[in-house]
C-alpha atoms as a PDB file:
ATOM      1  CA  MET A   1      16.641   2.635  -1.135  1.00  0.00           C
ATOM      2  CA  SER A   2      15.613   6.339  -1.635  1.00  0.00           C
ATOM      3  CA  ASN A   3      18.112   7.092  -4.384  1.00  0.00           C
ATOM      4  CA  GLU A   4      17.097   4.070  -6.154  1.00  0.00           C
ATOM      5  CA  ARG A   5      14.122   4.326  -8.681  1.00  0.00           C
ATOM      6  CA  GLN A   6      11.177   3.431  -7.482  1.00  0.00           C
ATOM      7  CA  ILE A   7       8.528   1.529  -9.589  1.00  0.00           C
ATOM      8  CA  GLN A   8       4.974   3.145  -9.659  1.00  0.00           C
ATOM      9  CA  ASP A   9       1.095   1.731  -9.731  1.00  0.00           C
ATOM     10  CA  GLU A  10       1.007   1.417 -13.142  1.00  0.00           C
ATOM     11  CA  ASP A  11       4.337  -1.035 -12.769  1.00  0.00           C
ATOM     12  CA  LEU A  12       2.058  -3.546 -10.420  1.00  0.00           C
ATOM     13  CA  MET A  13      -0.802  -3.726 -12.900  1.00  0.00           C
ATOM     14  CA  ASP A  14      -0.079  -6.325 -14.828  1.00  0.00           C
ATOM     15  CA  VAL A  15      -0.959  -8.800 -11.113  1.00  0.00           C
ATOM     16  CA  ALA A  16      -3.352  -6.163  -9.613  1.00  0.00           C
ATOM     17  CA  ALA A  17      -6.737  -6.170 -10.841  1.00  0.00           C
ATOM     18  CA  ASP A  18      -7.500  -2.598 -10.616  1.00  0.00           C
ATOM     19  CA  GLN A  19      -5.300   1.010  -9.911  1.00  0.00           C
ATOM     20  CA  GLU A  20      -6.916   0.622  -6.664  1.00  0.00           C
ATOM     21  CA  GLN A  21      -5.352  -3.183  -5.839  1.00  0.00           C
ATOM     22  CA  ALA A  22      -2.149  -1.744  -7.506  1.00  0.00           C
ATOM     23  CA  HIS A  23      -1.761   1.045  -5.228  1.00  0.00           C
ATOM     24  CA  ARG A  24      -2.130  -0.710  -2.158  1.00  0.00           C
ATOM     25  CA  LEU A  25       0.024  -3.697  -3.555  1.00  0.00           C
ATOM     26  CA  ARG A  26       2.855  -1.004  -3.888  1.00  0.00           C
ATOM     27  CA  LYS A  27       2.359   0.699   0.028  1.00  0.00           C
ATOM     28  CA  ALA A  28       2.239  -3.363   1.402  1.00  0.00           C
ATOM     29  CA  LEU A  29       5.856  -3.554  -0.123  1.00  0.00           C
ATOM     30  CA  LYS A  30       6.814  -0.295   0.944  1.00  0.00           C
ATOM     31  CA  THR A  31       6.146  -1.456   3.975  1.00  0.00           C
ATOM     32  CA  LEU A  32       8.014  -4.670   4.102  1.00  0.00           C
ATOM     33  CA  ALA A  33      11.038  -2.994   2.103  1.00  0.00           C
ATOM     34  CA  ASP A  34      11.100  -0.519   4.931  1.00  0.00           C
ATOM     35  CA  ASN A  35      10.163  -2.307   8.319  1.00  0.00           C
ATOM     36  CA  PRO A  36      13.589  -3.413  10.001  1.00  0.00           C
ATOM     37  CA  ASN A  37      11.677  -6.273  11.263  1.00  0.00           C
ATOM     38  CA  VAL A  38      10.736  -8.222   8.403  1.00  0.00           C
ATOM     39  CA  GLY A  39      14.533  -8.778   7.583  1.00  0.00           C
ATOM     40  CA  GLY A  40      15.548 -11.213   5.042  1.00  0.00           C
ATOM     41  CA  LYS A  41      13.668 -12.737   1.593  1.00  0.00           C
ATOM     42  CA  LEU A  42      10.966 -11.447   2.604  1.00  0.00           C
ATOM     43  CA  GLN A  43      11.723  -7.906   2.321  1.00  0.00           C
ATOM     44  CA  GLU A  44      14.394  -8.126  -0.011  1.00  0.00           C
ATOM     45  CA  MET A  45      11.568  -9.053  -2.397  1.00  0.00           C
ATOM     46  CA  ALA A  46      10.221  -5.905  -1.423  1.00  0.00           C
ATOM     47  CA  ARG A  47      13.070  -4.055  -2.322  1.00  0.00           C
ATOM     48  CA  GLU A  48      14.006  -5.807  -5.509  1.00  0.00           C
ATOM     49  CA  VAL A  49       9.924  -5.164  -6.810  1.00  0.00           C
ATOM     50  CA  LEU A  50      10.176  -1.366  -5.517  1.00  0.00           C
ATOM     51  CA  SER A  51      13.290  -0.827  -7.451  1.00  0.00           C
ATOM     52  CA  GLY A  52      12.429  -2.067 -10.377  1.00  0.00           C
ATOM     53  CA  ARG A  53      15.313  -5.093 -10.922  1.00  0.00           C
ATOM     54  CA  ILE A  54      12.212  -7.895 -10.583  1.00  0.00           C
ATOM     55  CA  GLY A  55       8.851  -7.567 -11.826  1.00  0.00           C
ATOM     56  CA  MET A  56       6.039  -8.942  -8.540  1.00  0.00           C
ATOM     57  CA  LYS A  57       5.141 -11.612 -11.269  1.00  0.00           C
ATOM     58  CA  ASP A  58       9.098 -12.850 -11.405  1.00  0.00           C
ATOM     59  CA  ALA A  59       8.962 -12.662  -7.560  1.00  0.00           C
ATOM     60  CA  ILE A  60       5.687 -14.669  -7.064  1.00  0.00           C
ATOM     61  CA  GLU A  61       7.371 -17.514  -9.532  1.00  0.00           C
ATOM     62  CA  THR A  62      10.707 -17.138  -6.801  1.00  0.00           C
ATOM     63  CA  PRO A  63      10.279 -19.928  -4.580  1.00  0.00           C
ATOM     64  CA  SER A  64      12.740 -18.553  -1.724  1.00  0.00           C
ATOM     65  CA  TYR A  65      10.692 -15.171  -1.906  1.00  0.00           C
ATOM     66  CA  MET A  66       7.517 -17.461  -1.157  1.00  0.00           C
ATOM     67  CA  GLU A  67       9.213 -19.768   1.534  1.00  0.00           C
ATOM     68  CA  ALA A  68       9.666 -16.808   2.977  1.00  0.00           C
ATOM     69  CA  LEU A  69       6.322 -14.867   3.122  1.00  0.00           C
ATOM     70  CA  GLY A  70       4.705 -18.970   3.936  1.00  0.00           C
ATOM     71  CA  ASP A  71       7.312 -18.616   6.919  1.00  0.00           C
ATOM     72  CA  ARG A  72       6.066 -15.825   7.544  1.00  0.00           C
ATOM     73  CA  MET A  73       2.208 -16.357   8.073  1.00  0.00           C
ATOM     74  CA  SER A  74       2.598 -19.377   9.607  1.00  0.00           C
ATOM     75  CA  GLU A  75       4.596 -16.996  12.103  1.00  0.00           C
ATOM     76  CA  ILE A  76       1.516 -14.847  12.489  1.00  0.00           C
ATOM     77  CA  LYS A  77      -0.290 -17.873  12.704  1.00  0.00           C
ATOM     78  CA  ARG A  78       1.265 -19.612  15.445  1.00  0.00           C
ATOM     79  CA  ALA A  79       1.369 -15.823  17.375  1.00  0.00           C
ATOM     80  CA  ALA A  80      -2.142 -15.638  16.857  1.00  0.00           C
ATOM     81  CA  GLU A  81      -3.173 -19.072  17.957  1.00  0.00           C
ATOM     82  CA  ASN A  82      -0.739 -18.696  21.704  1.00  0.00           C
ATOM     83  CA  GLN A  83      -2.946 -15.682  22.299  1.00  0.00           C
ATOM     84  CA  THR A  84      -4.722 -15.455  25.496  1.00  0.00           C
ATOM     85  CA  MET A  85      -8.775 -13.942  25.300  1.00  0.00           C
ATOM     86  CA  ALA A  86      -7.608 -10.534  26.902  1.00  0.00           C
ATOM     87  CA  GLU A  87      -4.289 -10.625  23.969  1.00  0.00           C
ATOM     88  CA  ARG A  88      -7.052 -11.579  21.105  1.00  0.00           C
ATOM     89  CA  GLU A  89      -9.458  -8.562  22.476  1.00  0.00           C
ATOM     90  CA  ALA A  90      -6.246  -6.265  23.062  1.00  0.00           C
ATOM     91  CA  SER A  91      -5.646  -6.988  19.073  1.00  0.00           C
ATOM     92  CA  ARG A  92      -8.982  -6.833  17.406  1.00  0.00           C
ATOM     93  CA  GLU A  93      -9.229  -2.482  19.389  1.00  0.00           C
ATOM     94  CA  GLN A  94      -5.546  -2.256  17.956  1.00  0.00           C
ATOM     95  CA  TYR A  95      -6.842  -3.479  14.414  1.00  0.00           C
ATOM     96  CA  ALA A  96      -9.849  -1.751  14.475  1.00  0.00           C
ATOM     97  CA  LYS A  97      -8.158   1.464  15.403  1.00  0.00           C
ATOM     98  CA  TRP A  98      -5.648   0.752  12.748  1.00  0.00           C
ATOM     99  CA  GLN A  99      -8.016  -0.019   9.893  1.00  0.00           C
ATOM    100  CA  LYS A 100     -10.163   3.459  10.521  1.00  0.00           C
ATOM    101  CA  GLU A 101      -7.025   5.506  10.179  1.00  0.00           C
ATOM    102  CA  ARG A 102      -5.670   3.532   7.126  1.00  0.00           C
ATOM    103  CA  GLU A 103      -9.107   3.482   5.366  1.00  0.00           C
ATOM    104  CA  ALA A 104      -9.003   7.768   6.575  1.00  0.00           C
ATOM    105  CA  GLU A 105      -5.477   8.025   5.096  1.00  0.00           C
ATOM    106  CA  GLU A 106      -6.673   6.006   1.581  1.00  0.00           C
ATOM    107  CA  ASP A 107      -9.902   8.146   1.092  1.00  0.00           C
ATOM    108  CA  ARG A 108      -7.230  11.218   1.389  1.00  0.00           C
ATOM    109  CA  GLU A 109      -4.828   9.650  -0.792  1.00  0.00           C
ATOM    110  CA  ARG A 110      -7.430   8.698  -3.319  1.00  0.00           C
ATOM    111  CA  ALA A 111      -9.173  12.192  -3.020  1.00  0.00           C
ATOM    112  CA  GLU A 112      -5.492  13.522  -3.478  1.00  0.00           C
ATOM    113  CA  ARG A 113      -4.789  11.577  -6.614  1.00  0.00           C
ATOM    114  CA  ASP A 114      -8.734  11.817  -8.209  1.00  0.00           C
ATOM    115  CA  GLY A 115      -9.572  15.143  -7.161  1.00  0.00           C
ATOM    116  CA  PRO A 116      -9.509  18.123  -9.147  1.00  0.00           C
ATOM    117  CA  SER A 117      -6.004  20.163  -9.346  1.00  0.00           C
ATOM    118  CA  GLY A 118      -5.047  22.581  -6.637  1.00  0.00           C
ATOM    119  CA  ASN A 119      -3.653  24.561  -9.588  1.00  0.00           C
ATOM    120  CA  ILE A 120      -6.709  25.359 -11.304  1.00  0.00           C
ATOM    121  CA  VAL A 121      -8.003  28.546 -10.661  1.00  0.00           C
ATOM    122  CA  THR A 122     -11.428  29.784 -11.424  1.00  0.00           C
ATOM    123  CA  ALA A 123     -11.691  33.684 -12.579  1.00  0.00           C
ATOM    124  CA  PRO A 124     -14.961  35.338 -12.955  1.00  0.00           C
ATOM    125  CA  ARG A 125     -17.002  35.734 -16.407  1.00  0.00           C
ATOM    126  CA  LYS A 126     -16.624  38.830 -18.223  1.00  0.00           C
ATOM    127  CA  GLY A 127     -18.628  41.388 -17.722  1.00  0.00           C
ATOM    128  CA  GLY A 128     -18.954  39.576 -13.902  1.00  0.00           C
ATOM    129  CA  ARG A 129     -23.007  40.342 -13.611  1.00  0.00           C
ATOM    130  CA  SER A 130     -25.592  37.417 -14.588  1.00  0.00           C
ATOM    131  CA  HIS A 131     -28.704  37.639 -16.696  1.00  0.00           C
ATOM    132  CA  ARG A 132     -31.139  36.268 -14.876  1.00  0.00           C
ATOM    133  CA  GLY A 133     -35.018  36.493 -16.745  1.00  0.00           C
END
């Protein structure tokens, strides 16, 4: 998929509330597209949207894609219901760690996107002296 055209965050603004949500949506689609454990219609949908062959709005309106998403959500719910208390606690701890890492990564990405360019060079003023009263 790396040699295909890839959509940008802006291409998801028809379904996203803001630029940040569009960025998170594109990242989630990329995760689905690249994870070999996803497979099937859900992975196909992510790849189709990321390549620009189908818009996110159209994907949401495609019954087979939404059915695949519903099926995956049901699997996740069943797995959560069948966890022991120890497994739940381990999952909470793992999620908290993952969430902290994700927030740090998003902060870095946001700083790169929104921060000043690394190419800006500041030179001293001509004369190099300040005139203070």
